[in-house]
């Protein structure tokens, strides 16, 4: 060997010296400085998606970041149908508080899992969620064994005359009413056996005559499948004086 030391080839050291791609550096820079971005209008979807993913990894949408609302809004404004169509908040009660402040930005939201969040019927998040623009791809779905139920609170005492319902796989439906200021002491007002329609949309018009209520409880007592869904519920009536 003549006293000479062979120089080993350190692959990891070579990788560290490999320069980063210019595109990657630009995406990282923009994602790290979203507070200075006014709009992504005209930016290709593919590039915007990479910036969004990088911003996620940098925690730019966290509640603790004072610019997180702006960061999310510049994406939802331009790429409405590409940002957050599904949201899983299962057992994430604190996550509900984060999303509630930004719910009006999530106009493309089509699915949300609130299992285990223990939200009461009066929780503001459920009220805000109900104000989102809804279409045929947005619905409430059952999440376990039957019966399943949800409660609608009217802003004042109502004289209900008719309920229009669009649903899927609902077999037996029960409508109940309460005249108390709190959702208590419900009384049944209508029970309906609905036709199957083989997994297609069910449309039902339920005449009530003249029923006074402060709260309306909708109970899905049984279904034609493991899951059932309500796409739309409209109540006709007038405020009781």
C-alpha atoms as a PDB file:
ATOM      1  CA  UNK A   1       0.000   0.000   0.000  1.00  0.00           C
ATOM      2  CA  UNK A   2       3.156   2.173   0.267  1.00  0.00           C
ATOM      3  CA  UNK A   3       1.745   3.904   3.346  1.00  0.00           C
ATOM      4  CA  UNK A   4      -0.990   5.547   1.321  1.00  0.00           C
ATOM      5  CA  UNK A   5      -4.539   5.610   2.700  1.00  0.00           C
ATOM      6  CA  UNK A   6      -7.342   4.868   0.307  1.00  0.00           C
ATOM      7  CA  UNK A   7     -10.076   7.494   0.253  1.00  0.00           C
ATOM      8  CA  UNK A   8     -13.496   5.931   0.765  1.00  0.00           C
ATOM      9  CA  UNK A   9     -16.476   7.090  -1.258  1.00  0.00           C
ATOM     10  CA  UNK A  10     -19.090   8.541   1.124  1.00  0.00           C
ATOM     11  CA  UNK A  11     -22.420   8.377  -0.699  1.00  0.00           C
ATOM     12  CA  UNK A  12     -24.343  10.153   2.088  1.00  0.00           C
ATOM     13  CA  UNK A  13     -21.893  13.057   1.970  1.00  0.00           C
ATOM     14  CA  UNK A  14     -22.328  13.302  -1.789  1.00  0.00           C
ATOM     15  CA  UNK A  15     -26.101  13.394  -1.412  1.00  0.00           C
ATOM     16  CA  UNK A  16     -25.828  16.230   1.069  1.00  0.00           C
ATOM     17  CA  UNK A  17     -23.851  18.221  -1.486  1.00  0.00           C
ATOM     18  CA  UNK A  18     -26.402  17.596  -4.245  1.00  0.00           C
ATOM     19  CA  UNK A  19     -28.148  20.930  -4.889  1.00  0.00           C
ATOM     20  CA  UNK A  20     -31.909  21.096  -4.468  1.00  0.00           C
ATOM     21  CA  UNK A  21     -34.035  21.638  -7.526  1.00  0.00           C
ATOM     22  CA  UNK A  22     -34.945  25.262  -8.118  1.00  0.00           C
ATOM     23  CA  UNK A  23     -38.656  24.389  -8.287  1.00  0.00           C
ATOM     24  CA  UNK A  24     -38.509  22.715  -4.865  1.00  0.00           C
ATOM     25  CA  UNK A  25     -36.795  25.745  -3.369  1.00  0.00           C
ATOM     26  CA  UNK A  26     -39.383  28.097  -4.876  1.00  0.00           C
ATOM     27  CA  UNK A  27     -42.287  25.997  -3.584  1.00  0.00           C
ATOM     28  CA  UNK A  28     -40.750  25.912  -0.110  1.00  0.00           C
ATOM     29  CA  UNK A  29     -40.166  29.682  -0.152  1.00  0.00           C
ATOM     30  CA  UNK A  30     -43.735  30.500  -1.222  1.00  0.00           C
ATOM     31  CA  UNK A  31     -45.262  28.014   1.251  1.00  0.00           C
ATOM     32  CA  UNK A  32     -43.204  29.510   4.063  1.00  0.00           C
ATOM     33  CA  UNK A  33     -44.299  33.064   3.189  1.00  0.00           C
ATOM     34  CA  UNK A  34     -48.009  32.714   2.424  1.00  0.00           C
ATOM     35  CA  UNK A  35     -48.718  35.802   4.520  1.00  0.00           C
ATOM     36  CA  UNK A  36     -47.289  37.900   1.662  1.00  0.00           C
ATOM     37  CA  UNK A  37     -49.331  36.208  -1.083  1.00  0.00           C
ATOM     38  CA  UNK A  38     -52.426  38.088  -2.287  1.00  0.00           C
ATOM     39  CA  UNK A  39     -53.781  35.499  -4.735  1.00  0.00           C
ATOM     40  CA  UNK A  40     -52.913  32.339  -6.649  1.00  0.00           C
ATOM     41  CA  UNK A  41     -55.209  33.254  -9.533  1.00  0.00           C
ATOM     42  CA  UNK A  42     -53.772  31.835 -12.773  1.00  0.00           C
ATOM     43  CA  UNK A  43     -51.345  29.469 -11.031  1.00  0.00           C
ATOM     44  CA  UNK A  44     -51.603  25.877 -12.367  1.00  0.00           C
ATOM     45  CA  UNK A  45     -53.424  23.438 -10.088  1.00  0.00           C
ATOM     46  CA  UNK A  46     -50.426  21.095  -9.919  1.00  0.00           C
ATOM     47  CA  UNK A  47     -48.101  23.797  -8.576  1.00  0.00           C
ATOM     48  CA  UNK A  48     -50.730  25.065  -6.137  1.00  0.00           C
ATOM     49  CA  UNK A  49     -51.182  21.536  -4.789  1.00  0.00           C
ATOM     50  CA  UNK A  50     -47.443  21.215  -4.140  1.00  0.00           C
ATOM     51  CA  UNK A  51     -47.427  24.556  -2.322  1.00  0.00           C
ATOM     52  CA  UNK A  52     -50.444  23.465  -0.266  1.00  0.00           C
ATOM     53  CA  UNK A  53     -48.772  20.179   0.755  1.00  0.00           C
ATOM     54  CA  UNK A  54     -45.564  21.975   1.671  1.00  0.00           C
ATOM     55  CA  UNK A  55     -47.523  24.554   3.706  1.00  0.00           C
ATOM     56  CA  UNK A  56     -49.206  21.675   5.542  1.00  0.00           C
ATOM     57  CA  UNK A  57     -45.826  20.186   6.441  1.00  0.00           C
ATOM     58  CA  UNK A  58     -44.724  23.613   7.712  1.00  0.00           C
ATOM     59  CA  UNK A  59     -47.842  23.875   9.941  1.00  0.00           C
ATOM     60  CA  UNK A  60     -49.056  26.999   8.140  1.00  0.00           C
ATOM     61  CA  UNK A  61     -52.711  26.086   8.754  1.00  0.00           C
ATOM     62  CA  UNK A  62     -52.352  25.495  12.497  1.00  0.00           C
ATOM     63  CA  UNK A  63     -54.567  27.438  14.880  1.00  0.00           C
ATOM     64  CA  UNK A  64     -51.488  28.849  16.629  1.00  0.00           C
ATOM     65  CA  UNK A  65     -50.351  30.533  13.417  1.00  0.00           C
ATOM     66  CA  UNK A  66     -51.900  34.018  13.275  1.00  0.00           C
ATOM     67  CA  UNK A  67     -51.800  33.921   9.463  1.00  0.00           C
ATOM     68  CA  UNK A  68     -53.476  30.509   9.116  1.00  0.00           C
ATOM     69  CA  UNK A  69     -56.886  31.947   8.125  1.00  0.00           C
ATOM     70  CA  UNK A  70     -55.324  33.976   5.302  1.00  0.00           C
ATOM     71  CA  UNK A  71     -53.182  31.014   4.252  1.00  0.00           C
ATOM     72  CA  UNK A  72     -56.222  28.781   3.849  1.00  0.00           C
ATOM     73  CA  UNK A  73     -58.371  31.442   2.179  1.00  0.00           C
ATOM     74  CA  UNK A  74     -55.943  32.097  -0.705  1.00  0.00           C
ATOM     75  CA  UNK A  75     -56.269  28.429  -1.673  1.00  0.00           C
ATOM     76  CA  UNK A  76     -60.031  28.035  -1.210  1.00  0.00           C
ATOM     77  CA  UNK A  77     -60.773  31.257  -3.124  1.00  0.00           C
ATOM     78  CA  UNK A  78     -59.155  30.015  -6.350  1.00  0.00           C
ATOM     79  CA  UNK A  79     -59.193  26.220  -6.007  1.00  0.00           C
ATOM     80  CA  UNK A  80     -62.587  25.831  -4.315  1.00  0.00           C
ATOM     81  CA  UNK A  81     -63.328  22.288  -5.519  1.00  0.00           C
ATOM     82  CA  UNK A  82     -59.789  20.994  -4.952  1.00  0.00           C
ATOM     83  CA  UNK A  83     -59.313  21.932  -1.293  1.00  0.00           C
ATOM     84  CA  UNK A  84     -60.554  19.712   1.556  1.00  0.00           C
ATOM     85  CA  UNK A  85     -63.564  17.807   0.273  1.00  0.00           C
ATOM     86  CA  UNK A  86     -63.360  15.303   3.149  1.00  0.00           C
ATOM     87  CA  UNK A  87     -62.632  16.037   6.812  1.00  0.00           C
ATOM     88  CA  UNK A  88     -62.018  13.469   9.552  1.00  0.00           C
ATOM     89  CA  UNK A  89     -62.401  14.904  13.068  1.00  0.00           C
ATOM     90  CA  UNK A  90     -63.049  11.545  14.744  1.00  0.00           C
ATOM     91  CA  UNK A  91     -62.332  11.957  18.498  1.00  0.00           C
ATOM     92  CA  UNK A  92     -60.773  15.376  17.778  1.00  0.00           C
ATOM     93  CA  UNK A  93     -62.847  17.780  19.867  1.00  0.00           C
ATOM     94  CA  UNK A  94     -60.127  20.459  19.781  1.00  0.00           C
ATOM     95  CA  UNK A  95     -60.012  20.123  16.001  1.00  0.00           C
ATOM     96  CA  UNK A  96     -63.681  21.143  15.905  1.00  0.00           C
ATOM     97  CA  UNK A  97     -62.776  24.523  17.417  1.00  0.00           C
ATOM     98  CA  UNK A  98     -60.126  25.054  14.736  1.00  0.00           C
ATOM     99  CA  UNK A  99     -62.470  24.160  11.887  1.00  0.00           C
ATOM    100  CA  UNK A 100     -65.401  26.177  13.191  1.00  0.00           C
ATOM    101  CA  UNK A 101     -63.530  29.452  12.657  1.00  0.00           C
ATOM    102  CA  UNK A 102     -62.726  28.411   9.081  1.00  0.00           C
ATOM    103  CA  UNK A 103     -65.907  26.575   8.161  1.00  0.00           C
ATOM    104  CA  UNK A 104     -67.134  29.269   5.782  1.00  0.00           C
ATOM    105  CA  UNK A 105     -63.939  28.756   3.750  1.00  0.00           C
ATOM    106  CA  UNK A 106     -64.561  25.028   3.269  1.00  0.00           C
ATOM    107  CA  UNK A 107     -67.215  25.430   0.589  1.00  0.00           C
ATOM    108  CA  UNK A 108     -66.120  22.225  -1.167  1.00  0.00           C
ATOM    109  CA  UNK A 109     -66.609  20.103   1.973  1.00  0.00           C
ATOM    110  CA  UNK A 110     -68.616  16.991   1.070  1.00  0.00           C
ATOM    111  CA  UNK A 111     -67.905  14.628   3.965  1.00  0.00           C
ATOM    112  CA  UNK A 112     -67.125  15.115   7.655  1.00  0.00           C
ATOM    113  CA  UNK A 113     -66.698  12.545  10.436  1.00  0.00           C
ATOM    114  CA  UNK A 114     -67.528  13.868  13.929  1.00  0.00           C
ATOM    115  CA  UNK A 115     -67.622  10.472  15.647  1.00  0.00           C
ATOM    116  CA  UNK A 116     -66.521  10.701  19.276  1.00  0.00           C
ATOM    117  CA  UNK A 117     -66.489  14.516  19.403  1.00  0.00           C
ATOM    118  CA  UNK A 118     -69.467  14.496  21.791  1.00  0.00           C
ATOM    119  CA  UNK A 119     -71.106  17.584  20.338  1.00  0.00           C
ATOM    120  CA  UNK A 120     -74.455  18.405  21.908  1.00  0.00           C
ATOM    121  CA  UNK A 121     -77.471  19.356  19.815  1.00  0.00           C
ATOM    122  CA  UNK A 122     -76.898  23.016  20.717  1.00  0.00           C
ATOM    123  CA  UNK A 123     -73.224  23.163  19.703  1.00  0.00           C
ATOM    124  CA  UNK A 124     -72.469  26.158  17.459  1.00  0.00           C
ATOM    125  CA  UNK A 125     -70.434  23.986  15.082  1.00  0.00           C
ATOM    126  CA  UNK A 126     -73.522  22.026  14.022  1.00  0.00           C
ATOM    127  CA  UNK A 127     -75.434  25.242  13.407  1.00  0.00           C
ATOM    128  CA  UNK A 128     -72.593  26.682  11.300  1.00  0.00           C
ATOM    129  CA  UNK A 129     -72.280  23.412   9.401  1.00  0.00           C
ATOM    130  CA  UNK A 130     -75.950  23.610   8.504  1.00  0.00           C
ATOM    131  CA  UNK A 131     -75.415  27.037   6.915  1.00  0.00           C
ATOM    132  CA  UNK A 132     -73.009  25.707   4.285  1.00  0.00           C
ATOM    133  CA  UNK A 133     -74.256  25.709   0.713  1.00  0.00           C
ATOM    134  CA  UNK A 134     -75.550  22.202   0.074  1.00  0.00           C
ATOM    135  CA  UNK A 135     -75.995  20.184  -3.119  1.00  0.00           C
ATOM    136  CA  UNK A 136     -76.709  16.609  -4.157  1.00  0.00           C
ATOM    137  CA  UNK A 137     -73.187  15.552  -3.130  1.00  0.00           C
ATOM    138  CA  UNK A 138     -73.564  16.838   0.438  1.00  0.00           C
ATOM    139  CA  UNK A 139     -75.548  14.866   3.001  1.00  0.00           C
ATOM    140  CA  UNK A 140     -75.901  13.732   6.595  1.00  0.00           C
ATOM    141  CA  UNK A 141     -75.202  10.025   7.044  1.00  0.00           C
ATOM    142  CA  UNK A 142     -75.772   7.545   9.853  1.00  0.00           C
ATOM    143  CA  UNK A 143     -72.701   6.431  11.812  1.00  0.00           C
ATOM    144  CA  UNK A 144     -73.719   3.318  13.723  1.00  0.00           C
ATOM    145  CA  UNK A 145     -76.593   1.142  14.858  1.00  0.00           C
ATOM    146  CA  UNK A 146     -80.187   2.283  14.497  1.00  0.00           C
ATOM    147  CA  UNK A 147     -82.091   4.273  15.543  1.00  0.00           C
ATOM    148  CA  UNK A 148     -80.192   7.433  14.544  1.00  0.00           C
ATOM    149  CA  UNK A 149     -81.523  10.946  15.024  1.00  0.00           C
ATOM    150  CA  UNK A 150     -80.901  14.654  14.623  1.00  0.00           C
ATOM    151  CA  UNK A 151     -82.736  17.684  15.998  1.00  0.00           C
ATOM    152  CA  UNK A 152     -83.652  20.934  14.248  1.00  0.00           C
ATOM    153  CA  UNK A 153     -84.161  24.007  16.418  1.00  0.00           C
ATOM    154  CA  UNK A 154     -86.293  26.823  15.011  1.00  0.00           C
ATOM    155  CA  UNK A 155     -85.479  30.436  15.815  1.00  0.00           C
ATOM    156  CA  UNK A 156     -89.006  30.817  17.231  1.00  0.00           C
ATOM    157  CA  UNK A 157     -92.102  28.704  17.817  1.00  0.00           C
ATOM    158  CA  UNK A 158     -93.322  27.380  14.451  1.00  0.00           C
ATOM    159  CA  UNK A 159     -96.636  26.216  13.039  1.00  0.00           C
ATOM    160  CA  UNK A 160     -95.401  23.401  10.788  1.00  0.00           C
ATOM    161  CA  UNK A 161     -97.593  22.344   7.873  1.00  0.00           C
ATOM    162  CA  UNK A 162     -95.352  20.160   5.709  1.00  0.00           C
ATOM    163  CA  UNK A 163     -91.936  18.464   5.683  1.00  0.00           C
ATOM    164  CA  UNK A 164     -90.125  17.655   2.430  1.00  0.00           C
ATOM    165  CA  UNK A 165     -87.376  15.051   2.666  1.00  0.00           C
ATOM    166  CA  UNK A 166     -84.738  13.775   0.237  1.00  0.00           C
ATOM    167  CA  UNK A 167     -82.953  10.690   1.550  1.00  0.00           C
ATOM    168  CA  UNK A 168     -81.365   7.361   0.673  1.00  0.00           C
ATOM    169  CA  UNK A 169     -81.905   3.885   2.178  1.00  0.00           C
ATOM    170  CA  UNK A 170     -84.233   5.170   4.919  1.00  0.00           C
ATOM    171  CA  UNK A 171     -86.826   2.528   5.766  1.00  0.00           C
ATOM    172  CA  UNK A 172     -88.788   3.782   8.769  1.00  0.00           C
ATOM    173  CA  UNK A 173     -88.826   7.466   9.698  1.00  0.00           C
ATOM    174  CA  UNK A 174     -90.299   9.047  12.825  1.00  0.00           C
ATOM    175  CA  UNK A 175     -90.938  12.783  13.263  1.00  0.00           C
ATOM    176  CA  UNK A 176     -91.228  14.155  16.790  1.00  0.00           C
ATOM    177  CA  UNK A 177     -91.851  17.662  18.108  1.00  0.00           C
ATOM    178  CA  UNK A 178     -91.117  19.602  21.263  1.00  0.00           C
ATOM    179  CA  UNK A 179     -92.598  22.932  22.343  1.00  0.00           C
ATOM    180  CA  UNK A 180     -90.070  23.438  25.163  1.00  0.00           C
ATOM    181  CA  UNK A 181     -87.314  26.056  24.920  1.00  0.00           C
ATOM    182  CA  UNK A 182     -84.820  23.190  25.301  1.00  0.00           C
ATOM    183  CA  UNK A 183     -84.901  20.005  23.163  1.00  0.00           C
ATOM    184  CA  UNK A 184     -86.823  17.976  25.758  1.00  0.00           C
ATOM    185  CA  UNK A 185     -90.167  16.178  26.114  1.00  0.00           C
ATOM    186  CA  UNK A 186     -90.574  15.147  22.478  1.00  0.00           C
ATOM    187  CA  UNK A 187     -93.886  13.784  21.234  1.00  0.00           C
ATOM    188  CA  UNK A 188     -94.316  11.674  18.065  1.00  0.00           C
ATOM    189  CA  UNK A 189     -96.271  13.382  15.285  1.00  0.00           C
ATOM    190  CA  UNK A 190     -95.697  11.147  12.237  1.00  0.00           C
ATOM    191  CA  UNK A 191     -94.313   7.712  11.351  1.00  0.00           C
ATOM    192  CA  UNK A 192     -93.531   6.848   7.733  1.00  0.00           C
ATOM    193  CA  UNK A 193     -92.577   3.598   6.011  1.00  0.00           C
ATOM    194  CA  UNK A 194     -90.532   4.620   2.971  1.00  0.00           C
ATOM    195  CA  UNK A 195     -90.005   2.684  -0.261  1.00  0.00           C
ATOM    196  CA  UNK A 196     -86.548   1.290  -0.992  1.00  0.00           C
ATOM    197  CA  UNK A 197     -85.696   2.736  -4.465  1.00  0.00           C
ATOM    198  CA  UNK A 198     -82.691   0.339  -4.531  1.00  0.00           C
ATOM    199  CA  UNK A 199     -80.174   2.819  -3.147  1.00  0.00           C
ATOM    200  CA  UNK A 200     -81.430   5.729  -5.248  1.00  0.00           C
ATOM    201  CA  UNK A 201     -82.718   9.046  -3.926  1.00  0.00           C
ATOM    202  CA  UNK A 202     -85.993   8.905  -1.979  1.00  0.00           C
ATOM    203  CA  UNK A 203     -88.329  11.910  -2.094  1.00  0.00           C
ATOM    204  CA  UNK A 204     -91.076  12.225   0.484  1.00  0.00           C
ATOM    205  CA  UNK A 205     -93.620  14.978   1.130  1.00  0.00           C
ATOM    206  CA  UNK A 206     -95.119  14.684   4.620  1.00  0.00           C
ATOM    207  CA  UNK A 207     -98.231  16.711   5.405  1.00  0.00           C
ATOM    208  CA  UNK A 208     -98.555  17.626   9.075  1.00  0.00           C
ATOM    209  CA  UNK A 209    -101.689  19.762   9.053  1.00  0.00           C
ATOM    210  CA  UNK A 210    -100.829  22.391  11.647  1.00  0.00           C
ATOM    211  CA  UNK A 211     -98.312  21.279  14.289  1.00  0.00           C
ATOM    212  CA  UNK A 212     -96.695  23.748  16.663  1.00  0.00           C
ATOM    213  CA  UNK A 213     -93.061  23.133  17.608  1.00  0.00           C
ATOM    214  CA  UNK A 214     -89.860  24.776  18.792  1.00  0.00           C
ATOM    215  CA  UNK A 215     -87.807  21.681  17.934  1.00  0.00           C
ATOM    216  CA  UNK A 216     -88.240  18.956  15.329  1.00  0.00           C
ATOM    217  CA  UNK A 217     -86.551  15.605  15.905  1.00  0.00           C
ATOM    218  CA  UNK A 218     -85.990  13.325  12.914  1.00  0.00           C
ATOM    219  CA  UNK A 219     -85.452   9.681  13.868  1.00  0.00           C
ATOM    220  CA  UNK A 220     -84.221   7.128  11.330  1.00  0.00           C
ATOM    221  CA  UNK A 221     -85.578   4.037  13.050  1.00  0.00           C
ATOM    222  CA  UNK A 222     -84.428   1.507  10.436  1.00  0.00           C
ATOM    223  CA  UNK A 223     -82.823   1.372   6.995  1.00  0.00           C
ATOM    224  CA  UNK A 224     -82.557  -0.798   3.898  1.00  0.00           C
ATOM    225  CA  UNK A 225     -78.760  -0.957   4.218  1.00  0.00           C
ATOM    226  CA  UNK A 226     -76.029  -0.551   6.843  1.00  0.00           C
ATOM    227  CA  UNK A 227     -76.015   3.204   6.196  1.00  0.00           C
ATOM    228  CA  UNK A 228     -78.725   5.742   5.409  1.00  0.00           C
ATOM    229  CA  UNK A 229     -78.439   9.401   4.437  1.00  0.00           C
ATOM    230  CA  UNK A 230     -80.481  12.605   4.424  1.00  0.00           C
ATOM    231  CA  UNK A 231     -79.678  14.979   1.556  1.00  0.00           C
ATOM    232  CA  UNK A 232     -82.287  17.637   2.152  1.00  0.00           C
ATOM    233  CA  UNK A 233     -84.976  18.492   4.680  1.00  0.00           C
ATOM    234  CA  UNK A 234     -87.314  21.446   4.189  1.00  0.00           C
ATOM    235  CA  UNK A 235     -90.016  22.508   6.639  1.00  0.00           C
ATOM    236  CA  UNK A 236     -92.985  24.609   5.511  1.00  0.00           C
ATOM    237  CA  UNK A 237     -94.695  26.710   8.143  1.00  0.00           C
ATOM    238  CA  UNK A 238     -95.149  30.091   9.757  1.00  0.00           C
ATOM    239  CA  UNK A 239     -93.974  31.656  12.980  1.00  0.00           C
ATOM    240  CA  UNK A 240     -96.450  31.181  15.817  1.00  0.00           C
ATOM    241  CA  UNK A 241     -97.626  34.408  17.448  1.00  0.00           C
END
